[in-house]
Amino acid sequence: MDWQKGRSSDNVEEGSGGGGGGFIPGGGRGLGIGGLILLGVLSLIFKRDLITPFLAGEGGAPGQASSQPTQAVSCDRDEQTQFVCKILGATEDTWGQVFAEHGAQYARPRLHLFTGSVGTACGAASTAVGPFYCPGDQKVYLDLSFFQELQDRFHAAGDFARAYVIAHEVGHHVQKLIGVFDKVEQARRQGAPMEGADGLSVRQELQADCFAGVWANRSQRSLNWLQEGDVESALNAASQIGDDTLQREARGTVMPDSFTHGTSAQRVKWFKTGFQSGDIGSCDTFAGEP
């Protein structure tokens, strides 16, 4: 991936006061890629289901916006930071265009880099949760060490695999802006199931995958930056973080009733749907079979 072609975003920040606190489940459904494994392990240790309360917002206090001071990040300080700035800039350009086509203005999210732990409007979180989006403060949170974990633990190498991770979290921001988060929350309060193969959490995550595919399509049109094997690396990343694959790795068995993100096949399917169409209208994961 010739990611240097992209425009650097000026919306990348970091906490100047260091991270604060450990992971506190609850208060936001921006569950990161590594979060399912973490909560699954904790559930086994404490012999109680911690995943459902997290999704329902009952596992802890919602938390307040972090009081830690933040500062803008210099995109030129190292290659990883430059990469993040370039990918975020490309998402801004893509979604700015998509929203303009629909007569709306795209509100750009901020991407907050942290190390170890961080305070957010959705509560405190640790690196173990993986990258995540907090709808409370409309920020994407990322510990850059996750990129190494993506390669070593999830066997998903390549620049476009890393770009997919960022694009997926930005996809959650798009959901926040177009009202998906509010509709899901309303449905949850009315008793709609969140977990499970047909649950709202799975459908919400799959739509973020589809939005990542839309971004990939449109950014390729404007930048022509994908190279041989790039799309395959993103599809591999989507496959490696499916609920069935993660559960099989962590537990040795698959429990569809506890799915939160979708199977490997579903995640690949919806990324490909968005990538092939480049149309946000193709991403209605809430209708029919997910």
C-alpha atoms as a PDB file:
ATOM      1  CA  MET A   1       0.000   0.000   0.000  1.00  0.00           C
ATOM      2  CA  ASP A   2       1.453   3.319  -1.068  1.00  0.00           C
ATOM      3  CA  TRP A   3       0.001   5.078   1.968  1.00  0.00           C
ATOM      4  CA  GLN A   4       2.348   8.065   1.647  1.00  0.00           C
ATOM      5  CA  LYS A   5       0.049   9.367  -1.092  1.00  0.00           C
ATOM      6  CA  GLY A   6      -2.578  10.289   1.458  1.00  0.00           C
ATOM      7  CA  ARG A   7      -3.173  13.663   3.096  1.00  0.00           C
ATOM      8  CA  SER A   8      -2.188  13.892   6.742  1.00  0.00           C
ATOM      9  CA  SER A   9      -4.983  14.662   9.159  1.00  0.00           C
ATOM     10  CA  ASP A  10      -4.511  17.298  11.834  1.00  0.00           C
ATOM     11  CA  ASN A  11      -6.996  15.529  14.130  1.00  0.00           C
ATOM     12  CA  VAL A  12      -4.571  13.108  15.768  1.00  0.00           C
ATOM     13  CA  GLU A  13      -3.916  13.780  19.445  1.00  0.00           C
ATOM     14  CA  GLU A  14      -2.465  12.196  22.548  1.00  0.00           C
ATOM     15  CA  GLY A  15      -2.776  12.673  26.275  1.00  0.00           C
ATOM     16  CA  SER A  16      -0.009  14.838  27.644  1.00  0.00           C
ATOM     17  CA  GLY A  17      -0.652  13.607  31.174  1.00  0.00           C
ATOM     18  CA  GLY A  18      -0.313   9.873  30.579  1.00  0.00           C
ATOM     19  CA  GLY A  19      -2.957   7.149  30.750  1.00  0.00           C
ATOM     20  CA  GLY A  20      -5.215   6.723  33.721  1.00  0.00           C
ATOM     21  CA  GLY A  21      -6.912   3.746  35.313  1.00  0.00           C
ATOM     22  CA  GLY A  22      -7.539   0.235  34.170  1.00  0.00           C
ATOM     23  CA  PHE A  23     -10.238  -1.225  31.972  1.00  0.00           C
ATOM     24  CA  ILE A  24     -13.737  -0.691  33.308  1.00  0.00           C
ATOM     25  CA  PRO A  25     -16.441  -2.565  31.385  1.00  0.00           C
ATOM     26  CA  GLY A  26     -19.573  -0.632  30.588  1.00  0.00           C
ATOM     27  CA  GLY A  27     -20.592   2.809  29.462  1.00  0.00           C
ATOM     28  CA  GLY A  28     -20.095   2.425  25.729  1.00  0.00           C
ATOM     29  CA  ARG A  29     -20.481  -0.180  23.039  1.00  0.00           C
ATOM     30  CA  GLY A  30     -17.334   0.741  21.135  1.00  0.00           C
ATOM     31  CA  LEU A  31     -15.862  -2.666  21.976  1.00  0.00           C
ATOM     32  CA  GLY A  32     -12.445  -2.997  20.398  1.00  0.00           C
ATOM     33  CA  ILE A  33     -11.110  -5.818  18.271  1.00  0.00           C
ATOM     34  CA  GLY A  34      -9.261  -7.426  21.161  1.00  0.00           C
ATOM     35  CA  GLY A  35     -12.054  -6.769  23.633  1.00  0.00           C
ATOM     36  CA  LEU A  36     -13.951  -9.969  23.004  1.00  0.00           C
ATOM     37  CA  ILE A  37     -10.959 -12.095  23.991  1.00  0.00           C
ATOM     38  CA  LEU A  38     -10.327 -10.009  27.113  1.00  0.00           C
ATOM     39  CA  LEU A  39     -13.928 -10.161  28.309  1.00  0.00           C
ATOM     40  CA  GLY A  40     -14.152 -13.852  27.468  1.00  0.00           C
ATOM     41  CA  VAL A  41     -11.103 -14.619  29.590  1.00  0.00           C
ATOM     42  CA  LEU A  42     -12.353 -12.437  32.464  1.00  0.00           C
ATOM     43  CA  SER A  43     -15.738 -14.182  32.286  1.00  0.00           C
ATOM     44  CA  LEU A  44     -14.040 -17.547  32.697  1.00  0.00           C
ATOM     45  CA  ILE A  45     -11.928 -16.299  35.604  1.00  0.00           C
ATOM     46  CA  PHE A  46     -14.772 -14.688  37.540  1.00  0.00           C
ATOM     47  CA  LYS A  47     -17.361 -17.267  36.428  1.00  0.00           C
ATOM     48  CA  ARG A  48     -19.829 -14.584  35.319  1.00  0.00           C
ATOM     49  CA  ASP A  49     -20.867 -13.148  31.979  1.00  0.00           C
ATOM     50  CA  LEU A  50     -19.093  -9.818  31.558  1.00  0.00           C
ATOM     51  CA  ILE A  51     -19.809  -9.430  27.853  1.00  0.00           C
ATOM     52  CA  THR A  52     -23.567  -8.914  28.081  1.00  0.00           C
ATOM     53  CA  PRO A  53     -23.351  -6.251  30.833  1.00  0.00           C
ATOM     54  CA  PHE A  54     -20.725  -4.404  28.779  1.00  0.00           C
ATOM     55  CA  LEU A  55     -22.985  -4.310  25.743  1.00  0.00           C
ATOM     56  CA  ALA A  56     -25.935  -3.296  27.870  1.00  0.00           C
ATOM     57  CA  GLY A  57     -23.987  -0.530  29.585  1.00  0.00           C
ATOM     58  CA  GLU A  58     -24.514  -2.111  33.021  1.00  0.00           C
ATOM     59  CA  GLY A  59     -21.004  -3.240  33.852  1.00  0.00           C
ATOM     60  CA  GLY A  60     -19.915   0.027  35.374  1.00  0.00           C
ATOM     61  CA  ALA A  61     -20.513   3.752  35.440  1.00  0.00           C
ATOM     62  CA  PRO A  62     -20.545   5.392  32.048  1.00  0.00           C
ATOM     63  CA  GLY A  63     -17.666   7.592  33.027  1.00  0.00           C
ATOM     64  CA  GLN A  64     -17.015  11.225  32.272  1.00  0.00           C
ATOM     65  CA  ALA A  65     -14.962  12.770  29.541  1.00  0.00           C
ATOM     66  CA  SER A  66     -11.294  12.477  30.385  1.00  0.00           C
ATOM     67  CA  SER A  67      -9.907  15.399  32.350  1.00  0.00           C
ATOM     68  CA  GLN A  68      -6.422  14.618  31.116  1.00  0.00           C
ATOM     69  CA  PRO A  69      -4.974  17.351  28.899  1.00  0.00           C
ATOM     70  CA  THR A  70      -4.462  16.475  25.260  1.00  0.00           C
ATOM     71  CA  GLN A  71      -2.115  17.818  22.653  1.00  0.00           C
ATOM     72  CA  ALA A  72      -1.826  17.567  18.900  1.00  0.00           C
ATOM     73  CA  VAL A  73       0.535  14.935  17.573  1.00  0.00           C
ATOM     74  CA  SER A  74       3.276  15.757  15.107  1.00  0.00           C
ATOM     75  CA  CYS A  75       2.626  13.419  12.218  1.00  0.00           C
ATOM     76  CA  ASP A  76       6.304  13.453  11.241  1.00  0.00           C
ATOM     77  CA  ARG A  77       7.715  12.143  14.493  1.00  0.00           C
ATOM     78  CA  ASP A  78       7.864   8.489  13.372  1.00  0.00           C
ATOM     79  CA  GLU A  79       6.578   6.223  10.615  1.00  0.00           C
ATOM     80  CA  GLN A  80       3.725   4.687  12.596  1.00  0.00           C
ATOM     81  CA  THR A  81       2.312   8.071  13.547  1.00  0.00           C
ATOM     82  CA  GLN A  82       2.683   9.287   9.992  1.00  0.00           C
ATOM     83  CA  PHE A  83       0.770   6.217   8.816  1.00  0.00           C
ATOM     84  CA  VAL A  84      -2.097   6.877  11.239  1.00  0.00           C
ATOM     85  CA  CYS A  85      -2.288  10.521  10.152  1.00  0.00           C
ATOM     86  CA  LYS A  86      -2.377   9.564   6.478  1.00  0.00           C
ATOM     87  CA  ILE A  87      -5.087   6.928   6.904  1.00  0.00           C
ATOM     88  CA  LEU A  88      -7.228   9.182   9.094  1.00  0.00           C
ATOM     89  CA  GLY A  89      -6.833  11.959   6.518  1.00  0.00           C
ATOM     90  CA  ALA A  90      -8.053   9.611   3.793  1.00  0.00           C
ATOM     91  CA  THR A  91     -11.108   8.668   5.850  1.00  0.00           C
ATOM     92  CA  GLU A  92     -11.878  12.358   6.350  1.00  0.00           C
ATOM     93  CA  ASP A  93     -11.714  13.023   2.622  1.00  0.00           C
ATOM     94  CA  THR A  94     -13.830   9.979   1.743  1.00  0.00           C
ATOM     95  CA  TRP A  95     -16.581  10.543   4.281  1.00  0.00           C
ATOM     96  CA  GLY A  96     -16.561  14.263   3.651  1.00  0.00           C
ATOM     97  CA  GLN A  97     -17.376  13.500   0.027  1.00  0.00           C
ATOM     98  CA  VAL A  98     -20.018  10.878   0.899  1.00  0.00           C
ATOM     99  CA  PHE A  99     -21.814  13.203   3.303  1.00  0.00           C
ATOM    100  CA  ALA A 100     -21.661  16.078   0.802  1.00  0.00           C
ATOM    101  CA  GLU A 101     -23.300  13.842  -1.809  1.00  0.00           C
ATOM    102  CA  HIS A 102     -26.191  13.458   0.601  1.00  0.00           C
ATOM    103  CA  GLY A 103     -26.406  17.164   1.400  1.00  0.00           C
ATOM    104  CA  ALA A 104     -24.747  16.891   4.805  1.00  0.00           C
ATOM    105  CA  GLN A 105     -21.479  17.936   6.405  1.00  0.00           C
ATOM    106  CA  TYR A 106     -19.138  15.375   7.886  1.00  0.00           C
ATOM    107  CA  ALA A 107     -17.960  16.112  11.427  1.00  0.00           C
ATOM    108  CA  ARG A 108     -14.438  14.727  11.636  1.00  0.00           C
ATOM    109  CA  PRO A 109     -13.574  12.591  14.672  1.00  0.00           C
ATOM    110  CA  ARG A 110     -10.363  12.894  16.595  1.00  0.00           C
ATOM    111  CA  LEU A 111      -8.031   9.922  16.908  1.00  0.00           C
ATOM    112  CA  HIS A 112      -6.432   9.672  20.333  1.00  0.00           C
ATOM    113  CA  LEU A 113      -3.159   7.788  20.680  1.00  0.00           C
ATOM    114  CA  PHE A 114      -2.425   6.339  24.104  1.00  0.00           C
ATOM    115  CA  THR A 115      -0.114   3.903  25.813  1.00  0.00           C
ATOM    116  CA  GLY A 116      -1.225   1.435  28.454  1.00  0.00           C
ATOM    117  CA  SER A 117      -4.518   2.953  29.548  1.00  0.00           C
ATOM    118  CA  VAL A 118      -6.694   5.958  28.886  1.00  0.00           C
ATOM    119  CA  GLY A 119      -9.714   7.777  30.291  1.00  0.00           C
ATOM    120  CA  THR A 120     -12.632   8.366  27.927  1.00  0.00           C
ATOM    121  CA  ALA A 121     -16.239   9.530  28.027  1.00  0.00           C
ATOM    122  CA  CYS A 122     -17.145   5.811  27.914  1.00  0.00           C
ATOM    123  CA  GLY A 123     -15.067   4.976  30.984  1.00  0.00           C
ATOM    124  CA  ALA A 124     -11.453   3.923  31.383  1.00  0.00           C
ATOM    125  CA  ALA A 125      -9.875   1.420  29.004  1.00  0.00           C
ATOM    126  CA  SER A 126      -6.606  -0.435  28.719  1.00  0.00           C
ATOM    127  CA  THR A 127      -4.512  -1.490  25.767  1.00  0.00           C
ATOM    128  CA  ALA A 128      -5.965  -4.998  26.118  1.00  0.00           C
ATOM    129  CA  VAL A 129      -9.310  -3.787  24.748  1.00  0.00           C
ATOM    130  CA  GLY A 130      -7.736  -3.029  21.381  1.00  0.00           C
ATOM    131  CA  PRO A 131      -8.662  -0.044  19.192  1.00  0.00           C
ATOM    132  CA  PHE A 132     -12.155   1.280  19.913  1.00  0.00           C
ATOM    133  CA  TYR A 133     -14.554   4.132  19.278  1.00  0.00           C
ATOM    134  CA  CYS A 134     -16.284   6.023  22.067  1.00  0.00           C
ATOM    135  CA  PRO A 135     -19.577   7.617  20.957  1.00  0.00           C
ATOM    136  CA  GLY A 136     -19.611   9.714  24.124  1.00  0.00           C
ATOM    137  CA  ASP A 137     -16.725  11.907  22.998  1.00  0.00           C
ATOM    138  CA  GLN A 138     -16.703  10.850  19.330  1.00  0.00           C
ATOM    139  CA  LYS A 139     -13.070   9.782  19.381  1.00  0.00           C
ATOM    140  CA  VAL A 140     -11.199   6.768  18.063  1.00  0.00           C
ATOM    141  CA  TYR A 141      -8.693   5.383  20.589  1.00  0.00           C
ATOM    142  CA  LEU A 142      -5.588   3.510  19.523  1.00  0.00           C
ATOM    143  CA  ASP A 143      -2.492   2.160  21.225  1.00  0.00           C
ATOM    144  CA  LEU A 144       0.061   1.789  18.440  1.00  0.00           C
ATOM    145  CA  SER A 145       1.346  -1.412  20.022  1.00  0.00           C
ATOM    146  CA  PHE A 146      -1.809  -3.073  18.718  1.00  0.00           C
ATOM    147  CA  PHE A 147      -0.373  -3.073  15.215  1.00  0.00           C
ATOM    148  CA  GLN A 148       2.337  -5.466  16.366  1.00  0.00           C
ATOM    149  CA  GLU A 149      -0.287  -7.599  18.099  1.00  0.00           C
ATOM    150  CA  LEU A 150      -2.317  -7.606  14.892  1.00  0.00           C
ATOM    151  CA  GLN A 151       0.626  -9.182  13.143  1.00  0.00           C
ATOM    152  CA  ASP A 152       1.855 -11.520  15.887  1.00  0.00           C
ATOM    153  CA  ARG A 153      -1.361 -12.634  17.580  1.00  0.00           C
ATOM    154  CA  PHE A 154      -3.956 -12.309  14.843  1.00  0.00           C
ATOM    155  CA  HIS A 155      -1.622 -13.227  11.962  1.00  0.00           C
ATOM    156  CA  ALA A 156      -2.767 -10.195   9.975  1.00  0.00           C
ATOM    157  CA  ALA A 157       0.218  -8.386   8.504  1.00  0.00           C
ATOM    158  CA  GLY A 158       0.394  -5.569   5.989  1.00  0.00           C
ATOM    159  CA  ASP A 159      -0.303  -1.853   5.806  1.00  0.00           C
ATOM    160  CA  PHE A 160      -3.817  -2.289   4.478  1.00  0.00           C
ATOM    161  CA  ALA A 161      -4.701  -4.623   7.334  1.00  0.00           C
ATOM    162  CA  ARG A 162      -3.721  -1.831   9.723  1.00  0.00           C
ATOM    163  CA  ALA A 163      -5.639   0.696   7.640  1.00  0.00           C
ATOM    164  CA  TYR A 164      -8.722  -1.529   7.820  1.00  0.00           C
ATOM    165  CA  VAL A 165      -8.601  -1.425  11.629  1.00  0.00           C
ATOM    166  CA  ILE A 166      -8.667   2.398  11.646  1.00  0.00           C
ATOM    167  CA  ALA A 167     -11.329   2.534   8.934  1.00  0.00           C
ATOM    168  CA  HIS A 168     -13.549   0.142  10.913  1.00  0.00           C
ATOM    169  CA  GLU A 169     -13.436   2.357  13.997  1.00  0.00           C
ATOM    170  CA  VAL A 170     -14.111   5.453  11.893  1.00  0.00           C
ATOM    171  CA  GLY A 171     -17.058   3.488  10.505  1.00  0.00           C
ATOM    172  CA  HIS A 172     -18.498   3.519  14.019  1.00  0.00           C
ATOM    173  CA  HIS A 173     -18.168   7.307  14.012  1.00  0.00           C
ATOM    174  CA  VAL A 174     -20.162   7.438  10.789  1.00  0.00           C
ATOM    175  CA  GLN A 175     -22.806   5.322  12.520  1.00  0.00           C
ATOM    176  CA  LYS A 176     -22.910   7.816  15.356  1.00  0.00           C
ATOM    177  CA  LEU A 177     -23.399  10.725  12.960  1.00  0.00           C
ATOM    178  CA  ILE A 178     -26.205   9.089  10.965  1.00  0.00           C
ATOM    179  CA  GLY A 179     -28.105   7.947  14.050  1.00  0.00           C
ATOM    180  CA  VAL A 180     -27.357   4.212  14.089  1.00  0.00           C
ATOM    181  CA  PHE A 181     -26.014   4.278  17.654  1.00  0.00           C
ATOM    182  CA  ASP A 182     -29.162   6.013  18.903  1.00  0.00           C
ATOM    183  CA  LYS A 183     -31.465   3.561  17.109  1.00  0.00           C
ATOM    184  CA  VAL A 184     -29.577   0.559  18.457  1.00  0.00           C
ATOM    185  CA  GLU A 185     -29.723   1.990  21.972  1.00  0.00           C
ATOM    186  CA  GLN A 186     -33.455   2.573  21.656  1.00  0.00           C
ATOM    187  CA  ALA A 187     -33.998  -0.972  20.416  1.00  0.00           C
ATOM    188  CA  ARG A 188     -31.888  -2.341  23.270  1.00  0.00           C
ATOM    189  CA  ARG A 189     -33.997  -0.486  25.812  1.00  0.00           C
ATOM    190  CA  GLN A 190     -37.079  -2.012  24.229  1.00  0.00           C
ATOM    191  CA  GLY A 191     -35.664  -5.495  24.753  1.00  0.00           C
ATOM    192  CA  ALA A 192     -34.080  -6.282  21.394  1.00  0.00           C
ATOM    193  CA  PRO A 193     -31.243  -8.827  21.759  1.00  0.00           C
ATOM    194  CA  MET A 194     -27.729  -7.418  21.502  1.00  0.00           C
ATOM    195  CA  GLU A 195     -25.651 -10.591  21.588  1.00  0.00           C
ATOM    196  CA  GLY A 196     -26.009 -13.662  19.413  1.00  0.00           C
ATOM    197  CA  ALA A 197     -25.584 -14.426  15.748  1.00  0.00           C
ATOM    198  CA  ASP A 198     -28.614 -12.269  14.895  1.00  0.00           C
ATOM    199  CA  GLY A 199     -28.079  -9.644  17.611  1.00  0.00           C
ATOM    200  CA  LEU A 200     -27.886  -5.903  17.111  1.00  0.00           C
ATOM    201  CA  SER A 201     -24.259  -5.766  18.230  1.00  0.00           C
ATOM    202  CA  VAL A 202     -23.255  -8.133  15.429  1.00  0.00           C
ATOM    203  CA  ARG A 203     -25.214  -6.132  12.858  1.00  0.00           C
ATOM    204  CA  GLN A 204     -23.679  -2.882  14.076  1.00  0.00           C
ATOM    205  CA  GLU A 205     -20.145  -4.258  13.853  1.00  0.00           C
ATOM    206  CA  LEU A 206     -20.740  -5.736  10.404  1.00  0.00           C
ATOM    207  CA  GLN A 207     -21.987  -2.380   9.165  1.00  0.00           C
ATOM    208  CA  ALA A 208     -18.757  -0.768  10.377  1.00  0.00           C
ATOM    209  CA  ASP A 209     -16.901  -3.409   8.341  1.00  0.00           C
ATOM    210  CA  CYS A 210     -18.996  -2.513   5.312  1.00  0.00           C
ATOM    211  CA  PHE A 211     -18.290   1.183   5.835  1.00  0.00           C
ATOM    212  CA  ALA A 212     -14.575   0.338   5.963  1.00  0.00           C
ATOM    213  CA  GLY A 213     -15.022  -1.328   2.588  1.00  0.00           C
ATOM    214  CA  VAL A 214     -16.769   1.760   1.197  1.00  0.00           C
ATOM    215  CA  TRP A 215     -13.825   3.836   2.361  1.00  0.00           C
ATOM    216  CA  ALA A 216     -11.354   1.412   0.753  1.00  0.00           C
ATOM    217  CA  ASN A 217     -13.188   1.627  -2.572  1.00  0.00           C
ATOM    218  CA  ARG A 218     -13.405   5.390  -2.658  1.00  0.00           C
ATOM    219  CA  SER A 219      -9.907   6.066  -1.382  1.00  0.00           C
ATOM    220  CA  GLN A 220      -8.556   3.767  -4.074  1.00  0.00           C
ATOM    221  CA  ARG A 221     -10.470   5.703  -6.704  1.00  0.00           C
ATOM    222  CA  SER A 222      -8.968   9.000  -5.590  1.00  0.00           C
ATOM    223  CA  LEU A 223      -5.464   7.918  -4.589  1.00  0.00           C
ATOM    224  CA  ASN A 224      -4.795   4.697  -6.518  1.00  0.00           C
ATOM    225  CA  TRP A 225      -2.661   3.557  -3.619  1.00  0.00           C
ATOM    226  CA  LEU A 226      -3.479  -0.144  -3.294  1.00  0.00           C
ATOM    227  CA  GLN A 227      -0.937  -2.690  -4.448  1.00  0.00           C
ATOM    228  CA  GLU A 228      -1.049  -6.413  -5.115  1.00  0.00           C
ATOM    229  CA  GLY A 229      -2.069  -8.343  -2.021  1.00  0.00           C
ATOM    230  CA  ASP A 230      -3.419  -5.320  -0.113  1.00  0.00           C
ATOM    231  CA  VAL A 231      -7.096  -6.234  -0.344  1.00  0.00           C
ATOM    232  CA  GLU A 232      -6.256  -9.803   0.627  1.00  0.00           C
ATOM    233  CA  SER A 233      -4.468  -8.545   3.754  1.00  0.00           C
ATOM    234  CA  ALA A 234      -7.543  -6.588   4.818  1.00  0.00           C
ATOM    235  CA  LEU A 235      -9.802  -9.577   4.176  1.00  0.00           C
ATOM    236  CA  ASN A 236      -7.440 -11.742   6.199  1.00  0.00           C
ATOM    237  CA  ALA A 237      -7.591  -9.263   9.084  1.00  0.00           C
ATOM    238  CA  ALA A 238     -11.396  -9.311   8.956  1.00  0.00           C
ATOM    239  CA  SER A 239     -11.328 -13.113   8.961  1.00  0.00           C
ATOM    240  CA  GLN A 240      -8.896 -13.394  11.878  1.00  0.00           C
ATOM    241  CA  ILE A 241     -11.079 -11.293  14.195  1.00  0.00           C
ATOM    242  CA  GLY A 242     -14.399 -13.042  13.590  1.00  0.00           C
ATOM    243  CA  ASP A 243     -16.239 -14.197  16.725  1.00  0.00           C
ATOM    244  CA  ASP A 244     -16.008 -17.858  15.753  1.00  0.00           C
ATOM    245  CA  THR A 245     -12.270 -17.673  15.109  1.00  0.00           C
ATOM    246  CA  LEU A 246     -11.557 -15.754  18.330  1.00  0.00           C
ATOM    247  CA  GLN A 247     -13.721 -18.038  20.455  1.00  0.00           C
ATOM    248  CA  ARG A 248     -12.184 -21.158  18.980  1.00  0.00           C
ATOM    249  CA  GLU A 249      -8.730 -19.765  19.800  1.00  0.00           C
ATOM    250  CA  ALA A 250      -9.629 -18.650  23.326  1.00  0.00           C
ATOM    251  CA  ARG A 251     -12.008 -21.431  24.414  1.00  0.00           C
ATOM    252  CA  GLY A 252     -11.656 -24.246  21.921  1.00  0.00           C
ATOM    253  CA  THR A 253     -15.381 -24.058  21.164  1.00  0.00           C
ATOM    254  CA  VAL A 254     -17.739 -21.701  19.366  1.00  0.00           C
ATOM    255  CA  MET A 255     -20.761 -20.203  21.153  1.00  0.00           C
ATOM    256  CA  PRO A 256     -22.972 -18.345  18.630  1.00  0.00           C
ATOM    257  CA  ASP A 257     -25.265 -17.092  21.400  1.00  0.00           C
ATOM    258  CA  SER A 258     -22.414 -14.891  22.655  1.00  0.00           C
ATOM    259  CA  PHE A 259     -21.388 -13.432  19.294  1.00  0.00           C
ATOM    260  CA  THR A 260     -20.862  -9.659  19.327  1.00  0.00           C
ATOM    261  CA  HIS A 261     -18.960  -8.891  16.103  1.00  0.00           C
ATOM    262  CA  GLY A 262     -19.965 -11.563  13.573  1.00  0.00           C
ATOM    263  CA  THR A 263     -18.264 -14.615  12.161  1.00  0.00           C
ATOM    264  CA  SER A 264     -15.137 -14.476  10.049  1.00  0.00           C
ATOM    265  CA  ALA A 265     -17.207 -15.198   6.939  1.00  0.00           C
ATOM    266  CA  GLN A 266     -19.670 -12.429   7.771  1.00  0.00           C
ATOM    267  CA  ARG A 267     -16.944  -9.859   8.382  1.00  0.00           C
ATOM    268  CA  VAL A 268     -15.266 -10.712   5.089  1.00  0.00           C
ATOM    269  CA  LYS A 269     -18.633 -10.654   3.290  1.00  0.00           C
ATOM    270  CA  TRP A 270     -19.586  -7.184   4.488  1.00  0.00           C
ATOM    271  CA  PHE A 271     -16.161  -5.639   3.929  1.00  0.00           C
ATOM    272  CA  LYS A 272     -16.278  -6.991   0.375  1.00  0.00           C
ATOM    273  CA  THR A 273     -19.822  -5.655  -0.056  1.00  0.00           C
ATOM    274  CA  GLY A 274     -18.702  -2.138   0.778  1.00  0.00           C
ATOM    275  CA  PHE A 275     -15.501  -2.438  -1.223  1.00  0.00           C
ATOM    276  CA  GLN A 276     -17.231  -3.697  -4.344  1.00  0.00           C
ATOM    277  CA  SER A 277     -20.004  -1.100  -4.285  1.00  0.00           C
ATOM    278  CA  GLY A 278     -18.406   1.988  -2.775  1.00  0.00           C
ATOM    279  CA  ASP A 279     -21.950   2.864  -1.757  1.00  0.00           C
ATOM    280  CA  ILE A 280     -23.054   3.424   1.819  1.00  0.00           C
ATOM    281  CA  GLY A 281     -26.535   2.307   0.762  1.00  0.00           C
ATOM    282  CA  SER A 282     -25.258  -1.248   0.312  1.00  0.00           C
ATOM    283  CA  CYS A 283     -24.416  -1.511   4.008  1.00  0.00           C
ATOM    284  CA  ASP A 284     -27.843  -2.178   5.535  1.00  0.00           C
ATOM    285  CA  THR A 285     -26.766  -5.029   7.779  1.00  0.00           C
ATOM    286  CA  PHE A 286     -29.913  -4.585   9.872  1.00  0.00           C
ATOM    287  CA  ALA A 287     -32.187  -5.994   7.172  1.00  0.00           C
ATOM    288  CA  GLY A 288     -32.402  -9.707   6.469  1.00  0.00           C
ATOM    289  CA  GLU A 289     -29.644 -12.159   7.318  1.00  0.00           C
ATOM    290  CA  PRO A 290     -26.472 -10.473   8.641  1.00  0.00           C
END
